[in-house]
Amino acid sequence: MSARSNVTLGAADASSGVPSHARDDFERRLVRKLDIHMSVLVLLYLLNAIDRGNASSARLGGFEKDLHLQGSQYATVLSIVNVGFIVMQVPANMFLHWLGRPSILIPCYMLLWGVVSTLTGITRNYTGILLARLLLGFAEGPFFPGTMYLMSGWYKRDELAVRTTLVTCGGVLSAGFGSLFASGILTRMQGKLGQAAWRKMWLFYIEGSITVVVAICAMFILPNFPHNTRWLTPEERSLAISRLADDGYGKMDGPGKRTTMQGLRDAVCDWKVWWFSVALIIQFVALSFTIYFPTIVATMGYNATVTLLLAAPPWVLATIGAFALSRYSDKTQKRCICVFASNALVALGFIISICTMNIVARYVSLFLMAQIAAGHIILWAWINNTFAREPAKRAVAIAVSSGISAIGNIAGSYVWPLAWGPTYRYSYAICLAALGVSTAMFGVMYLHLKRVNEQIERNERNAKDINDLLDPVGFRYLM
């Protein structure tokens, strides 16, 4: 803890008569209470990923044939959702920062995408499904940057990786259990009431309806921010705000708060935001295998039901790996090395798939490739940490990085044409190259932040008055 923080905290404790160990116990209880409320985000994130990815599972149930899709039209159906992401994420996060009510906004976005997902089942042709997926992107777009910004408004920097994993593990598990759920629907509901299983009343209808119900419940569970959450006691509110200030965070409200437009200007003028954004575009090309995961598993030659069942175990292991790596990352306050380790395992999986069609080797490679989840989750914690100082800037920085990265999803949708199957060697090669480039860019950011930390340390040693320092005493960027 910084010298300035020690002074402030000591004064606060002395004035309140609360010993430091009592404050620590109080803080642990506060974090536990917060974790309970935030846990609903796991379910929200799970449903978000399932609703967005159900088209991948529907492909194995006759989705393309029933809608008469040809050529690259299926890839366009998958990629069009990202247009909404690109358009909506920055203005939605700016609005969230201005309004300060994520407990209302996030569930409202969820209600919208649940309705759109449900109505997707009534589409009959390419134009209909394209429009439905476009609307789904506009509805889902604000969700991810909104949840990232909400968590960064409550948790300290060395708590964020594990909590980000806790929330986004819903998305990781959806890649597996979404397939299991789809397997049950596609197998047991095929032809019921004269409908293909992926259509209305089944895959899209069932999953979309669940989303709507959960969204309504989430309005009563999610918190807002420390300064305006009603279920906090005055003591809890004071501690929630002070512990973030001690960790180097800026103010969410009150004197000194940056406006939403000032945050936009600060973010777009910071080259680090654009560096992360470009690196994420390339990283998302490498991640493109995730949206085609059932198709890749199908290359092993099993029927649709077995294929969807086999898609689950790699993501279960990926979730376990993500928890282990993120816990290590928070404990050691290391981010980049964890991203490197995760990407190295993924690269090995790509290489195995390029070199062989052996079923066992290919299935092992899927387990390795799924480990990209751990590094990707820690990467978002790193981005949050890098822009922790000012809330308005952080809101925009997260949204810009997330929104622009959707370009990589659009490009990645065209990396897996059926003509390249069943080996998909060219697809794996493209993903491998993209992974190498993005990893190198993260390495450059690591070296830059390392130099910045060294400069901050020199400034502290040479400063005659701590009030002359640009950064709080003891503040360092996590790398």
Protein backbone atom coordinates (compact mmCIF):
# COMPACT_ATOMS: atom_id res chain seq x y z
CA MET A 1 0.00 0.00 0.00
CA SER A 2 1.25 3.52 -0.84
CA ALA A 3 2.64 5.96 1.68
CA ARG A 4 -0.17 8.39 1.01
CA SER A 5 -2.75 5.62 1.39
CA ASN A 6 -1.22 4.54 4.68
CA VAL A 7 -1.47 8.06 6.00
CA THR A 8 -5.06 8.46 4.85
CA LEU A 9 -6.15 5.06 6.09
CA GLY A 10 -4.40 5.50 9.40
CA ALA A 11 -6.11 8.83 9.96
CA ALA A 12 -9.47 7.37 9.02
CA ASP A 13 -9.04 4.43 11.35
CA ALA A 14 -7.79 6.60 14.16
CA SER A 15 -10.69 9.00 13.85
CA SER A 16 -13.23 6.21 13.81
CA GLY A 17 -11.53 4.18 16.50
CA VAL A 18 -11.54 1.10 14.29
CA PRO A 19 -8.34 -1.00 14.37
CA SER A 20 -6.87 -2.07 11.05
CA HIS A 21 -7.70 -5.78 11.56
CA ALA A 22 -11.35 -4.85 12.14
CA ARG A 23 -11.31 -2.82 8.93
CA ASP A 24 -9.88 -5.81 7.07
CA ASP A 25 -12.67 -8.04 8.40
CA PHE A 26 -15.24 -5.43 7.44
CA GLU A 27 -13.75 -5.21 3.95
CA ARG A 28 -13.88 -8.98 3.50
CA ARG A 29 -17.56 -9.00 4.49
CA LEU A 30 -18.23 -6.19 2.04
CA VAL A 31 -16.50 -8.03 -0.81
CA ARG A 32 -18.41 -11.24 0.00
CA LYS A 33 -21.70 -9.32 -0.05
CA LEU A 34 -20.73 -7.77 -3.37
CA ASP A 35 -19.71 -11.14 -4.82
CA ILE A 36 -23.14 -12.56 -4.00
CA HIS A 37 -24.89 -9.77 -5.90
CA MET A 38 -22.44 -9.88 -8.80
CA SER A 39 -22.84 -13.65 -9.15
CA VAL A 40 -25.99 -13.13 -11.21
CA LEU A 41 -23.71 -11.83 -13.98
CA VAL A 42 -22.48 -15.40 -14.46
CA LEU A 43 -25.96 -16.47 -15.54
CA LEU A 44 -26.44 -13.34 -17.62
CA TYR A 45 -23.15 -13.90 -19.42
CA LEU A 46 -24.00 -17.58 -19.98
CA LEU A 47 -27.32 -16.68 -21.61
CA ASN A 48 -25.68 -13.90 -23.61
CA ALA A 49 -23.19 -16.30 -25.14
CA ILE A 50 -25.80 -19.04 -25.71
CA ASP A 51 -28.24 -16.69 -27.45
CA ARG A 52 -25.48 -15.30 -29.66
CA GLY A 53 -24.00 -18.71 -30.44
CA ASN A 54 -27.12 -20.79 -30.97
CA ALA A 55 -26.81 -20.32 -34.73
CA SER A 56 -23.62 -22.41 -34.57
CA SER A 57 -25.48 -25.30 -32.94
CA ALA A 58 -28.50 -24.86 -35.23
CA ARG A 59 -26.21 -25.45 -38.21
CA LEU A 60 -26.05 -29.11 -37.26
CA GLY A 61 -29.87 -29.25 -37.16
CA GLY A 62 -30.50 -28.18 -40.74
CA PHE A 63 -30.29 -24.41 -40.21
CA GLU A 64 -28.59 -23.68 -43.56
CA LYS A 65 -30.77 -26.05 -45.58
CA ASP A 66 -34.07 -24.80 -44.14
CA LEU A 67 -33.18 -21.15 -44.78
CA HIS A 68 -31.70 -21.94 -48.23
CA LEU A 69 -28.34 -20.36 -47.35
CA GLN A 70 -25.65 -20.58 -50.01
CA GLY A 71 -21.94 -19.80 -50.31
CA SER A 72 -20.75 -17.37 -47.65
CA GLN A 73 -24.24 -16.45 -46.46
CA TYR A 74 -23.90 -18.50 -43.27
CA ALA A 75 -20.66 -16.68 -42.43
CA THR A 76 -22.45 -13.38 -43.01
CA VAL A 77 -25.26 -14.45 -40.69
CA LEU A 78 -22.67 -15.12 -37.97
CA SER A 79 -20.70 -11.92 -38.56
CA ILE A 80 -23.54 -9.41 -38.95
CA VAL A 81 -24.14 -9.45 -35.18
CA ASN A 82 -20.80 -7.69 -34.74
CA VAL A 83 -22.02 -4.60 -36.62
CA GLY A 84 -24.29 -3.87 -33.68
CA PHE A 85 -21.36 -4.39 -31.32
CA ILE A 86 -19.24 -1.85 -33.18
CA VAL A 87 -22.00 0.76 -33.33
CA MET A 88 -23.49 0.41 -29.84
CA GLN A 89 -20.71 -0.22 -27.35
CA VAL A 90 -19.14 3.24 -27.02
CA PRO A 91 -22.37 5.28 -26.79
CA ALA A 92 -23.93 2.67 -24.48
CA ASN A 93 -21.00 2.76 -22.04
CA MET A 94 -20.92 6.54 -22.12
CA PHE A 95 -24.63 6.56 -21.30
CA LEU A 96 -24.02 4.03 -18.51
CA HIS A 97 -21.33 6.26 -17.00
CA TRP A 98 -23.61 9.31 -17.24
CA LEU A 99 -26.72 7.59 -15.81
CA GLY A 100 -24.87 5.44 -13.27
CA ARG A 101 -27.63 2.79 -13.14
CA PRO A 102 -26.27 -0.53 -14.46
CA SER A 103 -28.86 -2.44 -12.39
CA ILE A 104 -31.50 -1.04 -14.77
CA LEU A 105 -29.64 -0.69 -18.05
CA ILE A 106 -27.95 -4.12 -18.23
CA PRO A 107 -31.17 -6.11 -17.60
CA CYS A 108 -33.03 -3.89 -20.11
CA TYR A 109 -30.49 -4.72 -22.78
CA MET A 110 -30.93 -8.37 -21.82
CA LEU A 111 -34.70 -8.15 -22.22
CA LEU A 112 -34.26 -6.76 -25.71
CA TRP A 113 -31.88 -9.47 -26.89
CA GLY A 114 -34.05 -12.18 -25.31
CA VAL A 115 -37.05 -11.01 -27.33
CA VAL A 116 -35.01 -10.76 -30.53
CA SER A 117 -33.50 -14.22 -29.96
CA THR A 118 -36.97 -15.68 -29.42
CA LEU A 119 -38.34 -14.14 -32.61
CA THR A 120 -35.38 -15.45 -34.62
CA GLY A 121 -37.23 -18.76 -34.83
CA ILE A 122 -39.93 -17.32 -37.11
CA THR A 123 -37.47 -16.37 -39.86
CA ARG A 124 -37.97 -18.15 -43.19
CA ASN A 125 -35.19 -16.91 -45.45
CA TYR A 126 -31.76 -15.29 -45.62
CA THR A 127 -33.08 -11.73 -45.37
CA GLY A 128 -35.11 -12.53 -42.26
CA ILE A 129 -32.31 -14.25 -40.37
CA LEU A 130 -29.85 -11.50 -41.37
CA LEU A 131 -32.14 -8.80 -39.99
CA ALA A 132 -32.73 -10.78 -36.79
CA ARG A 133 -29.01 -11.25 -36.20
CA LEU A 134 -28.34 -7.57 -36.89
CA LEU A 135 -30.92 -6.55 -34.28
CA LEU A 136 -29.45 -9.11 -31.88
CA GLY A 137 -26.07 -7.40 -32.20
CA PHE A 138 -27.56 -3.99 -31.39
CA ALA A 139 -29.31 -5.43 -28.33
CA GLU A 140 -26.33 -7.46 -27.04
CA GLY A 141 -23.63 -4.93 -27.88
CA PRO A 142 -23.80 -2.87 -24.66
CA PHE A 143 -23.70 -5.92 -22.37
CA PHE A 144 -20.02 -6.92 -22.28
CA PRO A 145 -18.40 -3.46 -21.88
CA GLY A 146 -21.15 -2.58 -19.42
CA THR A 147 -20.40 -5.54 -17.16
CA MET A 148 -16.65 -4.92 -17.39
CA TYR A 149 -17.14 -1.28 -16.40
CA LEU A 150 -19.51 -2.25 -13.57
CA MET A 151 -16.97 -4.66 -12.05
CA SER A 152 -14.12 -2.17 -12.38
CA GLY A 153 -16.24 0.28 -10.39
CA TRP A 154 -16.26 -2.05 -7.38
CA TYR A 155 -13.17 -4.28 -7.30
CA LYS A 156 -9.55 -3.37 -6.69
CA ARG A 157 -7.03 -4.07 -9.40
CA ASP A 158 -5.65 -7.21 -7.74
CA GLU A 159 -9.19 -8.60 -7.32
CA LEU A 160 -10.31 -8.08 -10.88
CA ALA A 161 -8.91 -11.07 -12.80
CA VAL A 162 -10.60 -13.70 -10.63
CA ARG A 163 -13.90 -11.77 -10.65
CA THR A 164 -13.71 -11.30 -14.40
CA THR A 165 -13.21 -15.05 -14.68
CA LEU A 166 -16.16 -15.72 -12.37
CA VAL A 167 -18.41 -13.62 -14.57
CA THR A 168 -17.14 -14.61 -18.01
CA CYS A 169 -16.89 -18.30 -17.15
CA GLY A 170 -20.57 -18.30 -18.04
CA GLY A 171 -19.55 -17.49 -21.60
CA VAL A 172 -16.82 -20.11 -21.57
CA LEU A 173 -19.19 -22.79 -20.28
CA SER A 174 -21.82 -21.76 -22.83
CA ALA A 175 -19.50 -23.00 -25.56
CA GLY A 176 -19.83 -26.46 -24.03
CA PHE A 177 -23.12 -26.57 -22.14
CA GLY A 178 -24.85 -24.50 -24.80
CA SER A 179 -23.99 -27.38 -27.10
CA LEU A 180 -25.36 -29.89 -24.58
CA PHE A 181 -28.58 -27.89 -24.26
CA ALA A 182 -28.85 -27.59 -28.03
CA SER A 183 -28.19 -31.31 -28.38
CA GLY A 184 -31.22 -32.10 -26.22
CA ILE A 185 -33.44 -29.68 -28.13
CA LEU A 186 -32.27 -30.71 -31.59
CA THR A 187 -32.61 -34.40 -30.79
CA ARG A 188 -35.91 -34.51 -28.89
CA MET A 189 -37.84 -31.62 -30.45
CA GLN A 190 -37.08 -32.23 -34.14
CA GLY A 191 -40.36 -32.19 -36.10
CA LYS A 192 -42.57 -31.40 -33.11
CA LEU A 193 -45.62 -29.38 -34.17
CA GLY A 194 -44.28 -29.51 -37.71
CA GLN A 195 -41.22 -27.39 -36.88
CA ALA A 196 -37.54 -28.07 -37.32
CA ALA A 197 -35.91 -28.24 -33.91
CA TRP A 198 -33.93 -25.03 -34.33
CA ARG A 199 -37.04 -23.05 -35.16
CA LYS A 200 -39.74 -21.32 -33.15
CA MET A 201 -40.92 -23.14 -30.07
CA TRP A 202 -37.60 -24.91 -29.77
CA LEU A 203 -33.93 -23.85 -29.87
CA PHE A 204 -34.34 -20.07 -30.26
CA TYR A 205 -37.71 -19.87 -28.50
CA ILE A 206 -36.73 -21.81 -25.40
CA GLU A 207 -33.35 -20.11 -24.93
CA GLY A 208 -34.76 -16.63 -25.64
CA SER A 209 -37.63 -17.04 -23.18
CA ILE A 210 -35.27 -18.06 -20.38
CA THR A 211 -33.24 -14.93 -21.06
CA VAL A 212 -36.29 -12.67 -20.64
CA VAL A 213 -37.22 -14.22 -17.26
CA VAL A 214 -33.67 -13.95 -15.90
CA ALA A 215 -33.40 -10.32 -17.05
CA ILE A 216 -36.42 -9.33 -14.98
CA CYS A 217 -34.96 -11.01 -11.88
CA ALA A 218 -31.54 -9.36 -12.43
CA MET A 219 -33.03 -5.88 -11.99
CA PHE A 220 -33.53 -6.63 -8.29
CA ILE A 221 -30.10 -8.21 -7.71
CA LEU A 222 -27.45 -6.22 -9.59
CA PRO A 223 -25.76 -3.27 -7.84
CA ASN A 224 -25.22 0.18 -9.28
CA PHE A 225 -21.98 1.87 -8.15
CA PRO A 226 -20.64 2.44 -4.61
CA HIS A 227 -21.98 5.98 -4.37
CA ASN A 228 -25.59 5.14 -5.40
CA THR A 229 -26.31 1.51 -4.44
CA ARG A 230 -29.23 1.48 -2.03
CA TRP A 231 -28.51 -1.75 -0.17
CA LEU A 232 -25.18 -0.49 1.20
CA THR A 233 -24.99 0.86 4.73
CA PRO A 234 -23.25 4.25 5.13
CA GLU A 235 -20.18 2.48 6.55
CA GLU A 236 -20.09 0.02 3.64
CA ARG A 237 -20.47 2.83 1.14
CA SER A 238 -17.60 4.79 2.68
CA LEU A 239 -15.34 1.74 2.68
CA ALA A 240 -16.27 0.75 -0.90
CA ILE A 241 -15.27 4.21 -2.11
CA SER A 242 -12.13 4.61 0.02
CA ARG A 243 -10.64 1.22 -0.84
CA LEU A 244 -10.81 2.02 -4.55
CA ALA A 245 -9.25 5.44 -3.93
CA ASP A 246 -6.42 3.74 -2.01
CA ASP A 247 -5.88 1.49 -5.04
CA GLY A 248 -5.43 4.42 -7.40
CA TYR A 249 -8.95 4.73 -8.80
CA GLY A 250 -10.51 8.10 -9.60
CA LYS A 251 -13.83 9.44 -8.29
CA MET A 252 -17.17 8.16 -9.62
CA ASP A 253 -18.97 11.32 -8.48
CA GLY A 254 -18.45 14.56 -6.60
CA PRO A 255 -15.75 17.22 -7.06
CA GLY A 256 -13.05 16.31 -9.55
CA LYS A 257 -15.23 13.88 -11.51
CA ARG A 258 -14.54 13.93 -15.26
CA THR A 259 -17.59 14.30 -17.50
CA THR A 260 -18.62 11.68 -20.03
CA MET A 261 -17.43 13.82 -22.96
CA GLN A 262 -14.11 14.50 -21.23
CA GLY A 263 -13.72 10.75 -20.78
CA LEU A 264 -14.36 10.25 -24.51
CA ARG A 265 -11.69 12.79 -25.39
CA ASP A 266 -9.19 11.31 -22.93
CA ALA A 267 -9.73 7.80 -24.30
CA VAL A 268 -9.50 8.56 -28.01
CA CYS A 269 -6.34 10.60 -27.43
CA ASP A 270 -4.56 7.76 -25.60
CA TRP A 271 -2.59 5.56 -28.00
CA LYS A 272 -2.77 2.64 -25.57
CA VAL A 273 -6.51 2.37 -26.20
CA TRP A 274 -5.92 2.01 -29.94
CA TRP A 275 -3.00 -0.38 -29.48
CA PHE A 276 -5.11 -2.71 -27.37
CA SER A 277 -7.97 -2.35 -29.86
CA VAL A 278 -5.89 -3.35 -32.88
CA ALA A 279 -4.30 -6.22 -30.95
CA LEU A 280 -7.77 -7.42 -29.99
CA ILE A 281 -8.95 -7.30 -33.61
CA ILE A 282 -6.14 -9.68 -34.53
CA GLN A 283 -6.69 -11.79 -31.40
CA PHE A 284 -10.36 -12.21 -32.31
CA VAL A 285 -9.39 -13.59 -35.69
CA ALA A 286 -7.46 -16.26 -33.78
CA LEU A 287 -10.54 -16.75 -31.59
CA SER A 288 -12.76 -17.37 -34.62
CA PHE A 289 -12.56 -21.12 -34.09
CA THR A 290 -14.88 -20.73 -31.09
CA ILE A 291 -17.91 -19.75 -33.20
CA TYR A 292 -17.27 -22.74 -35.47
CA PHE A 293 -16.48 -25.13 -32.62
CA PRO A 294 -19.33 -27.59 -33.34
CA THR A 295 -18.31 -27.61 -37.01
CA ILE A 296 -14.70 -28.36 -36.07
CA VAL A 297 -15.74 -31.16 -33.71
CA ALA A 298 -17.91 -32.59 -36.50
CA THR A 299 -14.77 -33.21 -38.58
CA MET A 300 -14.11 -36.20 -36.33
CA GLY A 301 -16.97 -37.97 -38.13
CA TYR A 302 -19.67 -38.41 -35.46
CA ASN A 303 -23.38 -37.59 -35.78
CA ALA A 304 -24.85 -34.27 -34.67
CA THR A 305 -25.81 -35.41 -31.16
CA VAL A 306 -22.42 -36.94 -30.35
CA THR A 307 -20.66 -33.94 -31.90
CA LEU A 308 -22.49 -31.50 -29.62
CA LEU A 309 -21.80 -33.68 -26.59
CA LEU A 310 -18.07 -33.87 -27.43
CA ALA A 311 -17.94 -30.06 -27.68
CA ALA A 312 -18.55 -29.65 -23.93
CA PRO A 313 -15.49 -31.20 -22.14
CA PRO A 314 -12.83 -28.88 -23.65
CA TRP A 315 -14.66 -25.86 -22.26
CA VAL A 316 -15.10 -27.40 -18.83
CA LEU A 317 -11.33 -27.83 -18.63
CA ALA A 318 -10.90 -24.31 -20.03
CA THR A 319 -13.02 -22.92 -17.17
CA ILE A 320 -10.90 -24.73 -14.58
CA GLY A 321 -7.73 -23.46 -16.24
CA ALA A 322 -9.12 -19.91 -16.35
CA PHE A 323 -9.80 -19.92 -12.60
CA ALA A 324 -6.34 -21.26 -11.79
CA LEU A 325 -4.51 -18.82 -14.07
CA SER A 326 -6.56 -15.78 -13.04
CA ARG A 327 -6.02 -16.55 -9.36
CA TYR A 328 -2.28 -16.72 -10.01
CA SER A 329 -2.49 -13.49 -12.00
CA ASP A 330 -4.23 -11.61 -9.17
CA LYS A 331 -1.94 -13.04 -6.50
CA THR A 332 1.25 -12.13 -8.36
CA GLN A 333 -0.24 -9.06 -10.08
CA LYS A 334 1.11 -10.34 -13.39
CA ARG A 335 -1.02 -10.08 -16.51
CA CYS A 336 1.06 -10.32 -19.68
CA ILE A 337 2.93 -13.52 -18.78
CA CYS A 338 -0.41 -15.27 -18.17
CA VAL A 339 -1.69 -14.17 -21.56
CA PHE A 340 1.54 -15.48 -23.11
CA ALA A 341 1.18 -18.87 -21.38
CA SER A 342 -2.41 -19.25 -22.52
CA ASN A 343 -1.61 -18.29 -26.12
CA ALA A 344 1.31 -20.75 -26.20
CA LEU A 345 -1.04 -23.66 -25.42
CA VAL A 346 -3.47 -22.48 -28.08
CA ALA A 347 -0.68 -22.25 -30.65
CA LEU A 348 0.29 -25.84 -29.86
CA GLY A 349 -3.31 -26.91 -30.45
CA PHE A 350 -3.38 -25.15 -33.83
CA ILE A 351 -0.13 -26.82 -34.88
CA ILE A 352 -1.43 -30.29 -33.94
CA SER A 353 -4.60 -29.74 -35.97
CA ILE A 354 -2.58 -28.55 -38.98
CA CYS A 355 -0.34 -31.60 -38.90
CA THR A 356 -2.79 -34.50 -38.44
CA MET A 357 -6.34 -35.77 -38.93
CA ASN A 358 -5.95 -38.41 -36.21
CA ILE A 359 -9.14 -38.31 -34.13
CA VAL A 360 -7.44 -38.56 -30.73
CA ALA A 361 -4.83 -35.94 -31.58
CA ARG A 362 -7.48 -33.61 -32.96
CA TYR A 363 -9.63 -33.94 -29.87
CA VAL A 364 -6.62 -33.24 -27.64
CA SER A 365 -5.90 -30.17 -29.75
CA LEU A 366 -9.41 -28.88 -29.01
CA PHE A 367 -8.66 -28.98 -25.27
CA LEU A 368 -5.49 -26.96 -25.90
CA MET A 369 -7.26 -24.46 -28.14
CA ALA A 370 -10.01 -23.91 -25.56
CA GLN A 371 -7.37 -22.65 -23.12
CA ILE A 372 -7.48 -19.35 -24.99
CA ALA A 373 -10.34 -18.47 -22.64
CA ALA A 374 -7.97 -18.05 -19.66
CA GLY A 375 -5.65 -15.62 -21.41
CA HIS A 376 -8.51 -13.69 -22.97
CA ILE A 377 -10.22 -13.16 -19.62
CA ILE A 378 -7.00 -11.98 -17.98
CA LEU A 379 -6.42 -9.71 -20.97
CA TRP A 380 -9.65 -7.86 -20.21
CA ALA A 381 -8.62 -7.52 -16.57
CA TRP A 382 -5.32 -6.05 -17.81
CA ILE A 383 -7.14 -3.53 -20.02
CA ASN A 384 -9.35 -2.54 -17.07
CA ASN A 385 -6.27 -2.13 -14.86
CA THR A 386 -4.42 -0.02 -17.41
CA PHE A 387 -7.19 2.60 -17.48
CA ALA A 388 -8.17 2.34 -13.81
CA ARG A 389 -7.36 5.92 -12.83
CA GLU A 390 -10.32 7.80 -14.36
CA PRO A 391 -13.83 6.24 -14.50
CA ALA A 392 -15.11 8.28 -17.46
CA LYS A 393 -12.06 7.43 -19.54
CA ARG A 394 -12.19 3.79 -18.45
CA ALA A 395 -15.82 3.47 -19.58
CA VAL A 396 -14.93 4.65 -23.08
CA ALA A 397 -11.61 2.78 -23.26
CA ILE A 398 -13.31 -0.54 -22.47
CA ALA A 399 -16.07 0.13 -25.00
CA VAL A 400 -13.69 1.26 -27.76
CA SER A 401 -11.48 -1.79 -27.28
CA SER A 402 -14.45 -4.15 -27.20
CA GLY A 403 -16.35 -2.48 -30.05
CA ILE A 404 -13.45 -2.23 -32.46
CA SER A 405 -12.35 -5.77 -31.66
CA ALA A 406 -15.64 -6.96 -33.18
CA ILE A 407 -14.04 -6.25 -36.55
CA GLY A 408 -11.90 -9.29 -35.85
CA ASN A 409 -15.06 -11.33 -35.29
CA ILE A 410 -16.40 -10.21 -38.66
CA ALA A 411 -13.19 -11.18 -40.42
CA GLY A 412 -12.93 -14.42 -38.45
CA SER A 413 -16.39 -15.52 -39.59
CA TYR A 414 -14.98 -16.02 -43.09
CA VAL A 415 -11.89 -17.97 -42.01
CA TRP A 416 -13.70 -21.32 -41.87
CA PRO A 417 -15.39 -21.97 -45.26
CA LEU A 418 -16.73 -25.48 -45.81
CA ALA A 419 -14.49 -25.78 -48.87
CA TRP A 420 -11.46 -25.86 -46.53
CA GLY A 421 -12.89 -28.75 -44.52
CA PRO A 422 -12.57 -31.26 -43.14
CA THR A 423 -8.89 -30.53 -42.47
CA TYR A 424 -9.28 -26.73 -42.18
CA ARG A 425 -5.50 -26.45 -42.35
CA TYR A 426 -5.65 -23.03 -43.97
CA SER A 427 -8.04 -21.87 -41.26
CA TYR A 428 -5.76 -23.07 -38.48
CA ALA A 429 -2.75 -21.46 -40.18
CA ILE A 430 -4.51 -18.08 -40.34
CA CYS A 431 -5.49 -18.35 -36.66
CA LEU A 432 -1.93 -19.30 -35.73
CA ALA A 433 -0.49 -16.30 -37.57
CA ALA A 434 -3.03 -13.94 -36.00
CA LEU A 435 -2.27 -15.31 -32.54
CA GLY A 436 1.45 -14.69 -33.06
CA VAL A 437 0.92 -11.07 -34.13
CA SER A 438 -1.46 -10.23 -31.27
CA THR A 439 0.85 -11.83 -28.71
CA ALA A 440 3.75 -9.74 -30.00
CA MET A 441 1.65 -6.58 -29.68
CA PHE A 442 0.82 -7.42 -26.07
CA GLY A 443 4.55 -7.87 -25.50
CA VAL A 444 5.18 -4.34 -26.78
CA MET A 445 2.56 -2.97 -24.37
CA TYR A 446 4.23 -4.88 -21.52
CA LEU A 447 7.60 -3.28 -22.31
CA HIS A 448 6.02 0.18 -22.50
CA LEU A 449 4.24 -0.14 -19.15
CA LYS A 450 7.41 -1.50 -17.60
CA ARG A 451 9.27 1.65 -18.68
CA VAL A 452 6.44 3.85 -17.39
CA ASN A 453 6.57 2.14 -13.98
CA GLU A 454 10.32 2.68 -13.85
CA GLN A 455 9.79 6.39 -14.61
CA ILE A 456 7.12 6.67 -11.88
CA GLU A 457 9.54 5.09 -9.41
CA ARG A 458 12.29 7.55 -10.38
CA ASN A 459 9.89 10.47 -10.01
CA GLU A 460 8.97 9.32 -6.50
CA ARG A 461 12.61 9.06 -5.47
CA ASN A 462 13.45 12.50 -6.82
CA ALA A 463 10.32 14.36 -5.72
CA LYS A 464 10.71 16.91 -2.96
CA ASP A 465 6.95 17.16 -2.42
CA ILE A 466 4.53 14.28 -3.10
CA ASN A 467 1.90 16.83 -4.18
CA ASP A 468 4.06 17.52 -7.25
CA LEU A 469 3.70 13.91 -8.46
CA LEU A 470 1.34 13.16 -11.33
CA ASP A 471 0.52 9.71 -9.95
CA PRO A 472 -0.48 8.64 -6.42
CA VAL A 473 2.48 7.46 -4.33
CA GLY A 474 2.94 3.74 -4.80
CA PHE A 475 0.79 3.49 -7.94
CA ARG A 476 2.16 1.10 -10.57
CA TYR A 477 0.59 -0.28 -13.73
CA LEU A 478 -0.07 -4.00 -13.53
CA MET A 479 1.74 -5.85 -16.28
